[in-house]
Amino acid sequence: MFRRGHFRTKQWGKNKIVQALKQKGVSPYCIKTGLKEIDEEDYEQTLQKLFTQKWESLRGTSNRFAKMKKATDYLLQKGFESHLIQPLFNTSTD
């Protein structure tokens, strides 16, 4: 229930959900089982949506590398994996 609510409502990534569950003392088996219930397509759509929103909000930043750093930091803070974030920059436009 925790996993479902924090993914859907707060749009947390898997890393942040795992850390929160570890803090609550949930067993690694239960964490692993709960993460398997996250639909990969929904997960990628949420990541894409958050990336697009953040990228659009950085319109005033003229330096592309600064925008990339800010967007990456934001998505990492939300708990998404870096290997999923990097390909998003190949499709973004200024």
Protein backbone atom coordinates (compact mmCIF):
# COMPACT_ATOMS: atom_id res chain seq x y z
CA MET A 1 0.00 0.00 0.00
CA PHE A 2 2.85 2.39 0.86
CA ARG A 3 4.59 1.65 -2.43
CA ARG A 4 1.45 2.17 -4.48
CA GLY A 5 0.58 5.47 -2.80
CA HIS A 6 4.03 6.97 -3.01
CA PHE A 7 4.51 5.97 -6.63
CA ARG A 8 1.10 7.12 -7.84
CA THR A 9 0.53 10.17 -5.64
CA LYS A 10 3.99 11.52 -4.88
CA GLN A 11 5.54 10.11 -8.06
CA TRP A 12 8.55 8.68 -6.27
CA GLY A 13 11.02 6.46 -8.05
CA LYS A 14 12.05 3.02 -6.89
CA ASN A 15 15.22 4.17 -5.09
CA LYS A 16 13.32 6.60 -2.88
CA ILE A 17 10.61 4.05 -2.13
CA VAL A 18 13.24 1.47 -1.14
CA GLN A 19 14.97 3.93 1.20
CA ALA A 20 11.69 4.91 2.86
CA LEU A 21 10.69 1.28 3.37
CA LYS A 22 14.11 0.43 4.82
CA GLN A 23 13.70 3.30 7.29
CA LYS A 24 10.38 1.80 8.34
CA GLY A 25 12.04 -1.57 8.95
CA VAL A 26 10.36 -3.49 6.14
CA SER A 27 12.11 -6.74 5.21
CA PRO A 28 14.15 -6.86 1.98
CA TYR A 29 11.90 -9.67 0.70
CA CYS A 30 8.76 -7.53 1.12
CA ILE A 31 10.49 -4.56 -0.53
CA LYS A 32 11.52 -6.68 -3.51
CA THR A 33 8.05 -8.16 -3.83
CA GLY A 34 6.43 -4.73 -3.64
CA LEU A 35 8.68 -3.24 -6.30
CA LYS A 36 7.79 -6.05 -8.71
CA GLU A 37 4.20 -4.81 -8.61
CA ILE A 38 5.15 -1.49 -10.22
CA ASP A 39 4.23 -1.66 -13.89
CA GLU A 40 7.34 -0.81 -15.96
CA GLU A 41 5.30 1.06 -18.56
CA ASP A 42 3.66 3.25 -15.89
CA TYR A 43 7.07 3.80 -14.31
CA GLU A 44 8.63 4.96 -17.58
CA GLN A 45 5.61 7.16 -18.40
CA THR A 46 5.86 8.82 -14.99
CA LEU A 47 9.58 9.40 -15.47
CA GLN A 48 8.98 10.89 -18.93
CA LYS A 49 6.21 13.14 -17.61
CA LEU A 50 8.32 14.44 -14.73
CA PHE A 51 11.28 15.01 -17.07
CA THR A 52 9.15 16.94 -19.55
CA GLN A 53 7.63 19.11 -16.82
CA LYS A 54 11.03 19.91 -15.33
CA TRP A 55 12.64 20.54 -18.72
CA GLU A 56 9.84 22.96 -19.66
CA SER A 57 10.14 24.76 -16.33
CA LEU A 58 13.81 25.48 -17.09
CA ARG A 59 13.04 27.53 -20.23
CA GLY A 60 14.89 30.56 -18.81
CA THR A 61 18.13 28.62 -18.48
CA SER A 62 20.11 29.18 -21.67
CA ASN A 63 22.95 26.75 -20.97
CA ARG A 64 21.89 23.24 -22.03
CA PHE A 65 24.34 21.58 -19.62
CA ALA A 66 22.95 23.54 -16.68
CA LYS A 67 19.44 22.45 -17.67
CA MET A 68 20.60 18.84 -17.93
CA LYS A 69 22.21 18.99 -14.48
CA LYS A 70 19.13 20.53 -12.86
CA ALA A 71 16.77 18.03 -14.50
CA THR A 72 19.02 15.10 -13.56
CA ASP A 73 19.33 16.26 -9.96
CA TYR A 74 15.57 16.65 -9.70
CA LEU A 75 14.85 13.16 -11.05
CA LEU A 76 17.54 11.57 -8.88
CA GLN A 77 16.04 13.33 -5.86
CA LYS A 78 12.67 11.82 -6.79
CA GLY A 79 14.33 8.39 -6.67
CA PHE A 80 14.64 7.45 -10.34
CA GLU A 81 17.62 5.49 -11.61
CA SER A 82 20.35 7.33 -13.52
CA HIS A 83 20.49 4.73 -16.31
CA LEU A 84 16.84 5.57 -17.08
CA ILE A 85 17.35 9.34 -16.91
CA GLN A 86 20.26 9.73 -19.32
CA PRO A 87 18.44 8.50 -22.47
CA LEU A 88 15.78 11.18 -21.94
CA PHE A 89 18.27 13.88 -22.94
CA ASN A 90 18.69 12.35 -26.39
CA THR A 91 15.05 13.11 -27.17
CA SER A 92 14.83 16.57 -25.56
CA THR A 93 14.97 19.76 -27.58
CA ASP A 94 15.77 23.30 -26.50
